[in-house]
Amino acid sequence: QPSGRTYNLTFNKPKVEGKDDITGEPLTQREDDKPEVWTER
């Protein structure tokens, strides 16, 4: 969130699961990126 860096668990995974590569801070998923939201969209 602070830097805007984006990861993808399929083709651009973070080095440590759930952590930003640079700061080690936690990664989050946007509410509107949830599967049920996108399926409806």
ModelCIF file with pLDDT and N, C-alpha, C, O atoms, coordinates in Angstrom:
data_MODEL
#
_entry.id   MODEL 
#
_entity.id                         1 
_entity.type                       polymer 
_entity.pdbx_number_of_molecules   1 
#
_entity_poly.entity_id                      1 
_entity_poly.type                           'polypeptide(L)' 
_entity_poly.nstd_linkage                   no 
_entity_poly.nstd_monomer                   no 
_entity_poly.pdbx_seq_one_letter_code       QPSGRTYNLTFNKPKVEGKDDITGEPLTQREDDKPEVWTER 
_entity_poly.pdbx_seq_one_letter_code_can   QPSGRTYNLTFNKPKVEGKDDITGEPLTQREDDKPEVWTER 
_entity_poly.pdbx_strand_id                 A 
#
loop_
_entity_poly_seq.entity_id 
_entity_poly_seq.num 
_entity_poly_seq.mon_id 
_entity_poly_seq.hetero 
1 1  GLN n 
1 2  PRO n 
1 3  SER n 
1 4  GLY n 
1 5  ARG n 
1 6  THR n 
1 7  TYR n 
1 8  ASN n 
1 9  LEU n 
1 10 THR n 
1 11 PHE n 
1 12 ASN n 
1 13 LYS n 
1 14 PRO n 
1 15 LYS n 
1 16 VAL n 
1 17 GLU n 
1 18 GLY n 
1 19 LYS n 
1 20 ASP n 
1 21 ASP n 
1 22 ILE n 
1 23 THR n 
1 24 GLY n 
1 25 GLU n 
1 26 PRO n 
1 27 LEU n 
1 28 THR n 
1 29 GLN n 
1 30 ARG n 
1 31 GLU n 
1 32 ASP n 
1 33 ASP n 
1 34 LYS n 
1 35 PRO n 
1 36 GLU n 
1 37 VAL n 
1 38 TRP n 
1 39 THR n 
1 40 GLU n 
1 41 ARG n 
#
_struct_asym.id          A 
_struct_asym.entity_id   1 
#
loop_
_ma_qa_metric.id 
_ma_qa_metric.mode 
_ma_qa_metric.name 
_ma_qa_metric.software_group_id 
_ma_qa_metric.type 
1 global pLDDT . pLDDT 
2 local  pLDDT . pLDDT 
#
_ma_qa_metric_global.metric_id      1 
_ma_qa_metric_global.metric_value   91.24 
_ma_qa_metric_global.model_id       1 
_ma_qa_metric_global.ordinal_id     1 
#
loop_
_ma_qa_metric_local.label_asym_id 
_ma_qa_metric_local.label_comp_id 
_ma_qa_metric_local.label_seq_id 
_ma_qa_metric_local.metric_id 
_ma_qa_metric_local.metric_value 
_ma_qa_metric_local.model_id 
_ma_qa_metric_local.ordinal_id 
A GLN 1  2 92.00 1 1  
A PRO 2  2 94.00 1 2  
A SER 3  2 94.00 1 3  
A GLY 4  2 90.00 1 4  
A ARG 5  2 92.00 1 5  
A THR 6  2 90.00 1 6  
A TYR 7  2 91.00 1 7  
A ASN 8  2 87.00 1 8  
A LEU 9  2 87.00 1 9  
A THR 10 2 81.00 1 10 
A PHE 11 2 78.00 1 11 
A ASN 12 2 85.00 1 12 
A LYS 13 2 91.00 1 13 
A PRO 14 2 94.00 1 14 
A LYS 15 2 95.00 1 15 
A VAL 16 2 95.00 1 16 
A GLU 17 2 94.00 1 17 
A GLY 18 2 94.00 1 18 
A LYS 19 2 96.00 1 19 
A ASP 20 2 96.00 1 20 
A ASP 21 2 96.00 1 21 
A ILE 22 2 95.00 1 22 
A THR 23 2 96.00 1 23 
A GLY 24 2 96.00 1 24 
A GLU 25 2 96.00 1 25 
A PRO 26 2 96.00 1 26 
A LEU 27 2 95.00 1 27 
A THR 28 2 94.00 1 28 
A GLN 29 2 90.00 1 29 
A ARG 30 2 87.00 1 30 
A GLU 31 2 85.00 1 31 
A ASP 32 2 85.00 1 32 
A ASP 33 2 87.00 1 33 
A LYS 34 2 86.00 1 34 
A PRO 35 2 88.00 1 35 
A GLU 36 2 90.00 1 36 
A VAL 37 2 91.00 1 37 
A TRP 38 2 92.00 1 38 
A THR 39 2 93.00 1 39 
A GLU 40 2 94.00 1 40 
A ARG 41 2 93.00 1 41 
#
loop_
_atom_site.group_PDB 
_atom_site.id 
_atom_site.type_symbol 
_atom_site.label_atom_id 
_atom_site.label_alt_id 
_atom_site.label_comp_id 
_atom_site.label_asym_id 
_atom_site.label_entity_id 
_atom_site.label_seq_id 
_atom_site.pdbx_PDB_ins_code 
_atom_site.Cartn_x 
_atom_site.Cartn_y 
_atom_site.Cartn_z 
_atom_site.occupancy 
_atom_site.B_iso_or_equiv 
_atom_site.pdbx_formal_charge 
_atom_site.auth_seq_id 
_atom_site.auth_comp_id 
_atom_site.auth_asym_id 
_atom_site.auth_atom_id 
_atom_site.pdbx_PDB_model_num 
ATOM 1   N N  . GLN A 1 1  ? 0.801   -1.221  0.000   1.00 92.00 ? 1  GLN A N  1 
ATOM 2   C CA . GLN A 1 1  ? 0.000   0.000   0.000   1.00 92.00 ? 1  GLN A CA 1 
ATOM 3   C C  . GLN A 1 1  ? 0.841   1.282   0.000   1.00 92.00 ? 1  GLN A C  1 
ATOM 4   O O  . GLN A 1 1  ? 0.554   2.175   -0.798  1.00 92.00 ? 1  GLN A O  1 
ATOM 5   N N  . PRO A 1 2  ? 1.871   1.420   0.858   1.00 94.00 ? 2  PRO A N  1 
ATOM 6   C CA . PRO A 1 2  ? 2.601   2.696   0.898   1.00 94.00 ? 2  PRO A CA 1 
ATOM 7   C C  . PRO A 1 2  ? 3.321   3.050   -0.400  1.00 94.00 ? 2  PRO A C  1 
ATOM 8   O O  . PRO A 1 2  ? 3.394   4.224   -0.764  1.00 94.00 ? 2  PRO A O  1 
ATOM 9   N N  . SER A 1 3  ? 3.859   2.041   -1.107  1.00 94.00 ? 3  SER A N  1 
ATOM 10  C CA . SER A 1 3  ? 4.655   2.319   -2.312  1.00 94.00 ? 3  SER A CA 1 
ATOM 11  C C  . SER A 1 3  ? 3.888   2.103   -3.602  1.00 94.00 ? 3  SER A C  1 
ATOM 12  O O  . SER A 1 3  ? 4.248   2.653   -4.643  1.00 94.00 ? 3  SER A O  1 
ATOM 13  N N  . GLY A 1 4  ? 2.817   1.291   -3.539  1.00 90.00 ? 4  GLY A N  1 
ATOM 14  C CA . GLY A 1 4  ? 2.080   0.956   -4.758  1.00 90.00 ? 4  GLY A CA 1 
ATOM 15  C C  . GLY A 1 4  ? 2.669   -0.231  -5.499  1.00 90.00 ? 4  GLY A C  1 
ATOM 16  O O  . GLY A 1 4  ? 2.145   -0.609  -6.547  1.00 90.00 ? 4  GLY A O  1 
ATOM 17  N N  . ARG A 1 5  ? 3.749   -0.838  -4.990  1.00 92.00 ? 5  ARG A N  1 
ATOM 18  C CA . ARG A 1 5  ? 4.329   -2.002  -5.667  1.00 92.00 ? 5  ARG A CA 1 
ATOM 19  C C  . ARG A 1 5  ? 3.303   -3.136  -5.728  1.00 92.00 ? 5  ARG A C  1 
ATOM 20  O O  . ARG A 1 5  ? 2.599   -3.420  -4.759  1.00 92.00 ? 5  ARG A O  1 
ATOM 21  N N  . THR A 1 6  ? 3.243   -3.772  -6.903  1.00 90.00 ? 6  THR A N  1 
ATOM 22  C CA . THR A 1 6  ? 2.230   -4.798  -7.141  1.00 90.00 ? 6  THR A CA 1 
ATOM 23  C C  . THR A 1 6  ? 2.892   -6.156  -7.355  1.00 90.00 ? 6  THR A C  1 
ATOM 24  O O  . THR A 1 6  ? 3.921   -6.262  -8.023  1.00 90.00 ? 6  THR A O  1 
ATOM 25  N N  . TYR A 1 7  ? 2.293   -7.177  -6.785  1.00 91.00 ? 7  TYR A N  1 
ATOM 26  C CA . TYR A 1 7  ? 2.773   -8.552  -6.940  1.00 91.00 ? 7  TYR A CA 1 
ATOM 27  C C  . TYR A 1 7  ? 1.613   -9.418  -7.447  1.00 91.00 ? 7  TYR A C  1 
ATOM 28  O O  . TYR A 1 7  ? 0.438   -9.084  -7.289  1.00 91.00 ? 7  TYR A O  1 
ATOM 29  N N  . ASN A 1 8  ? 1.993   -10.541 -8.061  1.00 87.00 ? 8  ASN A N  1 
ATOM 30  C CA . ASN A 1 8  ? 0.983   -11.504 -8.467  1.00 87.00 ? 8  ASN A CA 1 
ATOM 31  C C  . ASN A 1 8  ? 1.458   -12.891 -8.072  1.00 87.00 ? 8  ASN A C  1 
ATOM 32  O O  . ASN A 1 8  ? 2.589   -13.276 -8.366  1.00 87.00 ? 8  ASN A O  1 
ATOM 33  N N  . LEU A 1 9  ? 0.595   -13.635 -7.408  1.00 87.00 ? 9  LEU A N  1 
ATOM 34  C CA . LEU A 1 9  ? 0.990   -14.943 -6.880  1.00 87.00 ? 9  LEU A CA 1 
ATOM 35  C C  . LEU A 1 9  ? 1.225   -15.959 -7.976  1.00 87.00 ? 9  LEU A C  1 
ATOM 36  O O  . LEU A 1 9  ? 1.771   -17.031 -7.716  1.00 87.00 ? 9  LEU A O  1 
ATOM 37  N N  . THR A 1 10 ? 0.817   -15.640 -9.220  1.00 81.00 ? 10 THR A N  1 
ATOM 38  C CA . THR A 1 10 ? 1.014   -16.562 -10.336 1.00 81.00 ? 10 THR A CA 1 
ATOM 39  C C  . THR A 1 10 ? 2.331   -16.309 -11.058 1.00 81.00 ? 10 THR A C  1 
ATOM 40  O O  . THR A 1 10 ? 3.097   -17.239 -11.309 1.00 81.00 ? 10 THR A O  1 
ATOM 41  N N  . PHE A 1 11 ? 2.595   -15.026 -11.394 1.00 78.00 ? 11 PHE A N  1 
ATOM 42  C CA . PHE A 1 11 ? 3.778   -14.769 -12.234 1.00 78.00 ? 11 PHE A CA 1 
ATOM 43  C C  . PHE A 1 11 ? 4.746   -13.737 -11.662 1.00 78.00 ? 11 PHE A C  1 
ATOM 44  O O  . PHE A 1 11 ? 5.781   -13.476 -12.275 1.00 78.00 ? 11 PHE A O  1 
ATOM 45  N N  . ASN A 1 12 ? 4.447   -13.148 -10.521 1.00 85.00 ? 12 ASN A N  1 
ATOM 46  C CA . ASN A 1 12 ? 5.356   -12.154 -9.945  1.00 85.00 ? 12 ASN A CA 1 
ATOM 47  C C  . ASN A 1 12 ? 5.266   -12.237 -8.418  1.00 85.00 ? 12 ASN A C  1 
ATOM 48  O O  . ASN A 1 12 ? 4.871   -11.280 -7.752  1.00 85.00 ? 12 ASN A O  1 
ATOM 49  N N  . LYS A 1 13 ? 5.638   -13.394 -7.886  1.00 91.00 ? 13 LYS A N  1 
ATOM 50  C CA . LYS A 1 13 ? 5.482   -13.633 -6.451  1.00 91.00 ? 13 LYS A CA 1 
ATOM 51  C C  . LYS A 1 13 ? 6.485   -12.804 -5.646  1.00 91.00 ? 13 LYS A C  1 
ATOM 52  O O  . LYS A 1 13 ? 7.591   -12.534 -6.115  1.00 91.00 ? 13 LYS A O  1 
ATOM 53  N N  . PRO A 1 14 ? 6.094   -12.401 -4.432  1.00 94.00 ? 14 PRO A N  1 
ATOM 54  C CA . PRO A 1 14 ? 7.080   -11.774 -3.543  1.00 94.00 ? 14 PRO A CA 1 
ATOM 55  C C  . PRO A 1 14 ? 8.090   -12.826 -3.084  1.00 94.00 ? 14 PRO A C  1 
ATOM 56  O O  . PRO A 1 14 ? 7.797   -14.021 -3.072  1.00 94.00 ? 14 PRO A O  1 
ATOM 57  N N  . LYS A 1 15 ? 9.283   -12.362 -2.706  1.00 95.00 ? 15 LYS A N  1 
ATOM 58  C CA . LYS A 1 15 ? 10.318  -13.308 -2.272  1.00 95.00 ? 15 LYS A CA 1 
ATOM 59  C C  . LYS A 1 15 ? 9.884   -14.050 -1.017  1.00 95.00 ? 15 LYS A C  1 
ATOM 60  O O  . LYS A 1 15 ? 10.151  -15.240 -0.852  1.00 95.00 ? 15 LYS A O  1 
ATOM 61  N N  . VAL A 1 16 ? 9.209   -13.319 -0.139  1.00 95.00 ? 16 VAL A N  1 
ATOM 62  C CA . VAL A 1 16 ? 8.653   -13.932 1.076   1.00 95.00 ? 16 VAL A CA 1 
ATOM 63  C C  . VAL A 1 16 ? 7.141   -13.778 1.012   1.00 95.00 ? 16 VAL A C  1 
ATOM 64  O O  . VAL A 1 16 ? 6.627   -12.677 0.812   1.00 95.00 ? 16 VAL A O  1 
ATOM 65  N N  . GLU A 1 17 ? 6.439   -14.879 1.181   1.00 94.00 ? 17 GLU A N  1 
ATOM 66  C CA . GLU A 1 17 ? 4.977   -14.851 1.038   1.00 94.00 ? 17 GLU A CA 1 
ATOM 67  C C  . GLU A 1 17 ? 4.345   -13.787 1.931   1.00 94.00 ? 17 GLU A C  1 
ATOM 68  O O  . GLU A 1 17 ? 4.575   -13.747 3.139   1.00 94.00 ? 17 GLU A O  1 
ATOM 69  N N  . GLY A 1 18 ? 3.542   -12.925 1.304   1.00 94.00 ? 18 GLY A N  1 
ATOM 70  C CA . GLY A 1 18 ? 2.804   -11.921 2.048   1.00 94.00 ? 18 GLY A CA 1 
ATOM 71  C C  . GLY A 1 18 ? 3.600   -10.700 2.454   1.00 94.00 ? 18 GLY A C  1 
ATOM 72  O O  . GLY A 1 18 ? 3.085   -9.836  3.164   1.00 94.00 ? 18 GLY A O  1 
ATOM 73  N N  . LYS A 1 19 ? 4.889   -10.606 2.003   1.00 96.00 ? 19 LYS A N  1 
ATOM 74  C CA . LYS A 1 19 ? 5.739   -9.488  2.414   1.00 96.00 ? 19 LYS A CA 1 
ATOM 75  C C  . LYS A 1 19 ? 6.284   -8.737  1.198   1.00 96.00 ? 19 LYS A C  1 
ATOM 76  O O  . LYS A 1 19 ? 6.588   -9.332  0.164   1.00 96.00 ? 19 LYS A O  1 
ATOM 77  N N  . ASP A 1 20 ? 6.399   -7.427  1.346   1.00 96.00 ? 20 ASP A N  1 
ATOM 78  C CA . ASP A 1 20 ? 7.008   -6.599  0.302   1.00 96.00 ? 20 ASP A CA 1 
ATOM 79  C C  . ASP A 1 20 ? 8.496   -6.908  0.194   1.00 96.00 ? 20 ASP A C  1 
ATOM 80  O O  . ASP A 1 20 ? 9.180   -7.039  1.209   1.00 96.00 ? 20 ASP A O  1 
ATOM 81  N N  . ASP A 1 21 ? 8.999   -7.024  -1.037  1.00 96.00 ? 21 ASP A N  1 
ATOM 82  C CA . ASP A 1 21 ? 10.409  -7.374  -1.250  1.00 96.00 ? 21 ASP A CA 1 
ATOM 83  C C  . ASP A 1 21 ? 11.362  -6.334  -0.676  1.00 96.00 ? 21 ASP A C  1 
ATOM 84  O O  . ASP A 1 21 ? 12.440  -6.687  -0.198  1.00 96.00 ? 21 ASP A O  1 
ATOM 85  N N  . ILE A 1 22 ? 10.987  -5.067  -0.713  1.00 95.00 ? 22 ILE A N  1 
ATOM 86  C CA . ILE A 1 22 ? 11.898  -3.998  -0.313  1.00 95.00 ? 22 ILE A CA 1 
ATOM 87  C C  . ILE A 1 22 ? 11.851  -3.741  1.189   1.00 95.00 ? 22 ILE A C  1 
ATOM 88  O O  . ILE A 1 22 ? 12.894  -3.666  1.839   1.00 95.00 ? 22 ILE A O  1 
ATOM 89  N N  . THR A 1 23 ? 10.670  -3.610  1.731   1.00 96.00 ? 23 THR A N  1 
ATOM 90  C CA . THR A 1 23 ? 10.532  -3.191  3.141   1.00 96.00 ? 23 THR A CA 1 
ATOM 91  C C  . THR A 1 23 ? 10.208  -4.329  4.089   1.00 96.00 ? 23 THR A C  1 
ATOM 92  O O  . THR A 1 23 ? 10.392  -4.199  5.299   1.00 96.00 ? 23 THR A O  1 
ATOM 93  N N  . GLY A 1 24 ? 9.723   -5.455  3.551   1.00 96.00 ? 24 GLY A N  1 
ATOM 94  C CA . GLY A 1 24 ? 9.293   -6.554  4.407   1.00 96.00 ? 24 GLY A CA 1 
ATOM 95  C C  . GLY A 1 24 ? 7.945   -6.313  5.056   1.00 96.00 ? 24 GLY A C  1 
ATOM 96  O O  . GLY A 1 24 ? 7.487   -7.114  5.871   1.00 96.00 ? 24 GLY A O  1 
ATOM 97  N N  . GLU A 1 25 ? 7.298   -5.188  4.688   1.00 96.00 ? 25 GLU A N  1 
ATOM 98  C CA . GLU A 1 25 ? 5.983   -4.877  5.255   1.00 96.00 ? 25 GLU A CA 1 
ATOM 99  C C  . GLU A 1 25 ? 4.910   -5.758  4.612   1.00 96.00 ? 25 GLU A C  1 
ATOM 100 O O  . GLU A 1 25 ? 5.108   -6.279  3.515   1.00 96.00 ? 25 GLU A O  1 
ATOM 101 N N  . PRO A 1 26 ? 3.780   -5.922  5.290   1.00 96.00 ? 26 PRO A N  1 
ATOM 102 C CA . PRO A 1 26 ? 2.742   -6.823  4.778   1.00 96.00 ? 26 PRO A CA 1 
ATOM 103 C C  . PRO A 1 26 ? 2.100   -6.314  3.492   1.00 96.00 ? 26 PRO A C  1 
ATOM 104 O O  . PRO A 1 26 ? 1.947   -5.111  3.283   1.00 96.00 ? 26 PRO A O  1 
ATOM 105 N N  . LEU A 1 27 ? 1.728   -7.269  2.637   1.00 95.00 ? 27 LEU A N  1 
ATOM 106 C CA . LEU A 1 27 ? 0.987   -6.975  1.410   1.00 95.00 ? 27 LEU A CA 1 
ATOM 107 C C  . LEU A 1 27 ? -0.500  -7.139  1.688   1.00 95.00 ? 27 LEU A C  1 
ATOM 108 O O  . LEU A 1 27 ? -0.902  -7.912  2.557   1.00 95.00 ? 27 LEU A O  1 
ATOM 109 N N  . THR A 1 28 ? -1.297  -6.410  0.946   1.00 94.00 ? 28 THR A N  1 
ATOM 110 C CA . THR A 1 28 ? -2.750  -6.496  1.116   1.00 94.00 ? 28 THR A CA 1 
ATOM 111 C C  . THR A 1 28 ? -3.413  -6.683  -0.244  1.00 94.00 ? 28 THR A C  1 
ATOM 112 O O  . THR A 1 28 ? -2.832  -6.391  -1.289  1.00 94.00 ? 28 THR A O  1 
ATOM 113 N N  . GLN A 1 29 ? -4.629  -7.172  -0.196  1.00 90.00 ? 29 GLN A N  1 
ATOM 114 C CA . GLN A 1 29 ? -5.439  -7.293  -1.404  1.00 90.00 ? 29 GLN A CA 1 
ATOM 115 C C  . GLN A 1 29 ? -6.574  -6.289  -1.340  1.00 90.00 ? 29 GLN A C  1 
ATOM 116 O O  . GLN A 1 29 ? -7.276  -6.189  -0.334  1.00 90.00 ? 29 GLN A O  1 
ATOM 117 N N  . ARG A 1 30 ? -6.746  -5.546  -2.425  1.00 87.00 ? 30 ARG A N  1 
ATOM 118 C CA . ARG A 1 30 ? -7.838  -4.570  -2.460  1.00 87.00 ? 30 ARG A CA 1 
ATOM 119 C C  . ARG A 1 30 ? -9.173  -5.289  -2.356  1.00 87.00 ? 30 ARG A C  1 
ATOM 120 O O  . ARG A 1 30 ? -9.342  -6.397  -2.865  1.00 87.00 ? 30 ARG A O  1 
ATOM 121 N N  . GLU A 1 31 ? -10.116 -4.638  -1.687  1.00 85.00 ? 31 GLU A N  1 
ATOM 122 C CA . GLU A 1 31 ? -11.441 -5.237  -1.524  1.00 85.00 ? 31 GLU A CA 1 
ATOM 123 C C  . GLU A 1 31 ? -12.080 -5.557  -2.877  1.00 85.00 ? 31 GLU A C  1 
ATOM 124 O O  . GLU A 1 31 ? -12.752 -6.577  -3.033  1.00 85.00 ? 31 GLU A O  1 
ATOM 125 N N  . ASP A 1 32 ? -11.855 -4.655  -3.867  1.00 85.00 ? 32 ASP A N  1 
ATOM 126 C CA . ASP A 1 32 ? -12.501 -4.882  -5.164  1.00 85.00 ? 32 ASP A CA 1 
ATOM 127 C C  . ASP A 1 32 ? -11.703 -5.833  -6.056  1.00 85.00 ? 32 ASP A C  1 
ATOM 128 O O  . ASP A 1 32 ? -12.051 -6.014  -7.223  1.00 85.00 ? 32 ASP A O  1 
ATOM 129 N N  . ASP A 1 33 ? -10.638 -6.445  -5.525  1.00 87.00 ? 33 ASP A N  1 
ATOM 130 C CA . ASP A 1 33 ? -9.918  -7.491  -6.256  1.00 87.00 ? 33 ASP A CA 1 
ATOM 131 C C  . ASP A 1 33 ? -10.327 -8.891  -5.792  1.00 87.00 ? 33 ASP A C  1 
ATOM 132 O O  . ASP A 1 33 ? -9.739  -9.884  -6.221  1.00 87.00 ? 33 ASP A O  1 
ATOM 133 N N  . LYS A 1 34 ? -11.320 -8.971  -4.928  1.00 86.00 ? 34 LYS A N  1 
ATOM 134 C CA . LYS A 1 34 ? -11.780 -10.275 -4.452  1.00 86.00 ? 34 LYS A CA 1 
ATOM 135 C C  . LYS A 1 34 ? -12.496 -11.029 -5.591  1.00 86.00 ? 34 LYS A C  1 
ATOM 136 O O  . LYS A 1 34 ? -13.165 -10.400 -6.410  1.00 86.00 ? 34 LYS A O  1 
ATOM 137 N N  . PRO A 1 35 ? -12.365 -12.362 -5.653  1.00 88.00 ? 35 PRO A N  1 
ATOM 138 C CA . PRO A 1 35 ? -12.952 -13.146 -6.752  1.00 88.00 ? 35 PRO A CA 1 
ATOM 139 C C  . PRO A 1 35 ? -14.439 -12.901 -6.953  1.00 88.00 ? 35 PRO A C  1 
ATOM 140 O O  . PRO A 1 35 ? -14.905 -12.784 -8.087  1.00 88.00 ? 35 PRO A O  1 
ATOM 141 N N  . GLU A 1 36 ? -15.190 -12.821 -5.850  1.00 90.00 ? 36 GLU A N  1 
ATOM 142 C CA . GLU A 1 36 ? -16.640 -12.653 -6.002  1.00 90.00 ? 36 GLU A CA 1 
ATOM 143 C C  . GLU A 1 36 ? -16.990 -11.299 -6.621  1.00 90.00 ? 36 GLU A C  1 
ATOM 144 O O  . GLU A 1 36 ? -17.968 -11.187 -7.360  1.00 90.00 ? 36 GLU A O  1 
ATOM 145 N N  . VAL A 1 37 ? -16.195 -10.277 -6.320  1.00 91.00 ? 37 VAL A N  1 
ATOM 146 C CA . VAL A 1 37 ? -16.438 -8.948  -6.892  1.00 91.00 ? 37 VAL A CA 1 
ATOM 147 C C  . VAL A 1 37 ? -16.187 -8.975  -8.390  1.00 91.00 ? 37 VAL A C  1 
ATOM 148 O O  . VAL A 1 37 ? -16.985 -8.460  -9.173  1.00 91.00 ? 37 VAL A O  1 
ATOM 149 N N  . TRP A 1 38 ? -15.058 -9.587  -8.786  1.00 92.00 ? 38 TRP A N  1 
ATOM 150 C CA . TRP A 1 38 ? -14.706 -9.612  -10.206 1.00 92.00 ? 38 TRP A CA 1 
ATOM 151 C C  . TRP A 1 38 ? -15.610 -10.540 -11.010 1.00 92.00 ? 38 TRP A C  1 
ATOM 152 O O  . TRP A 1 38 ? -15.908 -10.254 -12.170 1.00 92.00 ? 38 TRP A O  1 
ATOM 153 N N  . THR A 1 39 ? -16.038 -11.618 -10.429 1.00 93.00 ? 39 THR A N  1 
ATOM 154 C CA . THR A 1 39 ? -16.966 -12.512 -11.134 1.00 93.00 ? 39 THR A CA 1 
ATOM 155 C C  . THR A 1 39 ? -18.240 -11.762 -11.497 1.00 93.00 ? 39 THR A C  1 
ATOM 156 O O  . THR A 1 39 ? -18.762 -11.905 -12.602 1.00 93.00 ? 39 THR A O  1 
ATOM 157 N N  . GLU A 1 40 ? -18.735 -10.961 -10.557 1.00 94.00 ? 40 GLU A N  1 
ATOM 158 C CA . GLU A 1 40 ? -19.940 -10.180 -10.811 1.00 94.00 ? 40 GLU A CA 1 
ATOM 159 C C  . GLU A 1 40 ? -19.681 -9.091  -11.843 1.00 94.00 ? 40 GLU A C  1 
ATOM 160 O O  . GLU A 1 40 ? -20.524 -8.856  -12.708 1.00 94.00 ? 40 GLU A O  1 
ATOM 161 N N  . ARG A 1 41 ? -18.533 -8.419  -11.772 1.00 93.00 ? 41 ARG A N  1 
ATOM 162 C CA . ARG A 1 41 ? -18.194 -7.371  -12.746 1.00 93.00 ? 41 ARG A CA 1 
ATOM 163 C C  . ARG A 1 41 ? -18.132 -7.938  -14.154 1.00 93.00 ? 41 ARG A C  1 
ATOM 164 O O  . ARG A 1 41 ? -17.861 -7.203  -15.104 1.00 93.00 ? 41 ARG A O  1 
#
